[in-house]
Protein backbone atom coordinates (compact mmCIF):
# COMPACT_ATOMS: atom_id res chain seq x y z
CA MET A 1 0.07 -0.05 0.08
CA SER A 2 1.11 3.61 -0.57
CA ALA A 3 2.18 5.38 2.57
CA GLN A 4 0.19 8.70 1.66
CA PRO A 5 -3.41 8.92 1.00
CA ARG A 6 -4.55 10.66 -2.12
CA LEU A 7 -7.02 13.37 -1.73
CA LEU A 8 -10.36 12.91 -3.92
CA PRO A 9 -11.06 15.34 -6.33
CA TRP A 10 -14.55 14.78 -5.24
CA PRO A 11 -16.11 15.36 -1.45
CA GLY A 12 -17.09 12.54 0.78
CA PRO A 13 -20.43 12.19 2.72
CA ALA A 14 -21.69 15.69 4.45
CA GLY A 15 -18.81 17.49 2.09
CA LYS A 16 -15.90 16.26 3.91
CA PRO A 17 -12.49 15.31 2.23
CA CYS A 18 -12.35 11.59 0.47
CA TYR A 19 -9.25 9.87 0.37
CA LEU A 20 -8.26 6.83 -1.34
CA MET A 21 -5.35 4.06 0.08
CA SER A 22 -4.33 2.48 -3.29
CA ASP A 23 -1.65 -0.69 -3.23
CA GLY A 24 -0.14 -0.07 -6.57
CA ASP A 25 1.59 2.97 -8.51
CA GLY A 26 -1.58 4.57 -9.02
CA THR A 27 -3.06 3.18 -11.86
CA GLY A 28 -5.91 1.31 -10.42
CA TYR A 29 -9.49 2.25 -11.64
CA LEU A 30 -10.18 4.77 -9.23
CA SER A 31 -6.66 6.48 -9.56
CA ARG A 32 -7.84 6.81 -13.14
CA LEU A 33 -10.84 8.17 -12.73
CA ALA A 34 -9.37 10.73 -10.43
CA ASP A 35 -7.28 11.73 -12.68
CA GLU A 36 -9.87 12.40 -15.28
CA MET A 37 -12.03 14.08 -12.92
CA GLU A 38 -9.37 16.36 -12.07
CA ALA A 39 -8.54 17.07 -15.97
CA ALA A 40 -12.19 18.12 -16.46
CA GLN A 41 -12.49 19.98 -13.16
CA LEU A 42 -9.53 21.97 -14.43
CA GLN A 43 -10.88 22.28 -18.02
CA MET A 44 -13.83 23.68 -16.56
CA GLY A 45 -12.30 26.41 -14.57
CA ALA A 46 -10.26 27.29 -17.83
CA GLU A 47 -13.61 27.71 -19.80
CA LEU A 48 -15.34 29.59 -16.74
CA ILE A 49 -12.69 32.16 -16.79
CA GLY A 50 -13.37 33.08 -20.34
CA HIS A 51 -16.98 33.25 -19.40
CA ALA A 52 -16.16 35.39 -16.61
CA ARG A 53 -13.90 37.62 -18.98
CA LEU A 54 -16.64 37.92 -21.43
CA LEU A 55 -19.71 38.79 -18.46
CA LEU A 56 -17.42 41.12 -16.57
CA ARG A 57 -17.00 43.30 -20.23
CA ASP A 58 -20.82 43.50 -20.69
CA ARG A 59 -21.95 46.79 -19.22
CA LYS A 60 -25.26 45.03 -19.16
CA ALA A 61 -24.43 42.37 -16.95
CA GLY A 62 -26.75 42.26 -13.70
CA PRO A 63 -26.85 41.68 -9.75
CA ARG A 64 -28.11 38.08 -10.34
CA GLU A 65 -25.42 37.05 -13.69
CA LEU A 66 -22.38 38.43 -11.45
CA ARG A 67 -23.53 36.30 -8.37
CA TYR A 68 -24.50 33.56 -10.14
CA LEU A 69 -20.49 34.00 -11.81
CA SER A 70 -18.88 34.62 -8.46
CA ASN A 71 -20.61 31.22 -7.26
CA ARG A 72 -19.12 29.45 -10.36
CA LEU A 73 -15.84 30.77 -9.75
CA ILE A 74 -15.83 30.14 -6.11
CA GLU A 75 -16.43 26.32 -7.23
CA ALA A 76 -13.87 26.12 -9.72
CA LEU A 77 -11.25 27.69 -7.34
CA GLN A 78 -12.07 25.40 -4.53
CA ASP A 79 -11.88 22.15 -7.31
CA ALA A 80 -8.17 23.76 -8.32
CA LEU A 81 -7.15 24.06 -4.60
CA ARG A 82 -8.49 20.42 -3.34
CA ILE A 83 -6.53 19.34 -6.99
CA ALA A 84 -3.43 21.46 -5.89
CA GLU A 85 -3.19 20.00 -2.54
CA SER A 86 -3.59 16.61 -3.51
CA ARG A 87 -0.68 16.76 -6.20
CA GLY A 88 1.37 18.52 -3.40
CA GLY A 89 0.21 15.41 -1.17
CA ARG A 90 1.93 13.40 -3.76
CA LEU A 91 5.45 14.90 -4.55
CA PRO A 92 8.45 13.21 -3.24
CA VAL A 93 10.35 14.33 -0.21
CA SER A 94 13.73 14.47 -0.80
CA ASP A 95 16.40 13.06 2.00
CA ASP A 96 17.56 16.96 2.13
CA GLU A 97 14.21 18.21 2.70
CA CYS A 98 13.68 15.77 5.99
CA GLU A 99 17.24 16.69 7.65
CA ILE A 100 16.90 20.97 6.74
CA ASP A 101 12.97 20.78 8.06
CA GLY A 102 13.90 18.49 11.08
CA PRO A 103 16.23 21.00 12.91
CA THR A 104 14.62 24.22 12.02
CA GLU A 105 11.42 22.86 13.79
CA ALA A 106 13.68 22.17 16.60
CA ARG A 107 14.95 25.40 16.78
CA GLU A 108 11.32 27.40 16.57
CA GLY A 109 10.42 25.20 19.60
CA ASP A 110 13.31 26.25 21.25
CA GLY A 111 12.89 29.49 21.23
């Protein structure tokens, strides 16, 4: 099994984070599904930015349209942040980083 669980790009029950413990190299069905979902979420976010630029140029855009846009942008940003957290959690940590972080944390606690 992989030592680090993967944060999935969809929420679990009650909106809580959902994690996957895989026992391979990340090529299982759920890992591939999560990869596809992340790609779709990022693509939708990029498309939403284009729509937002157009709507914000439209002087006739009303509060209802702008509020709707704001809510969709918030959702896209939440998706992007979840993806970044998930991918960041799966980055390899080098031995040098472990050695540097250890003493720094100890010094901060001593003072």
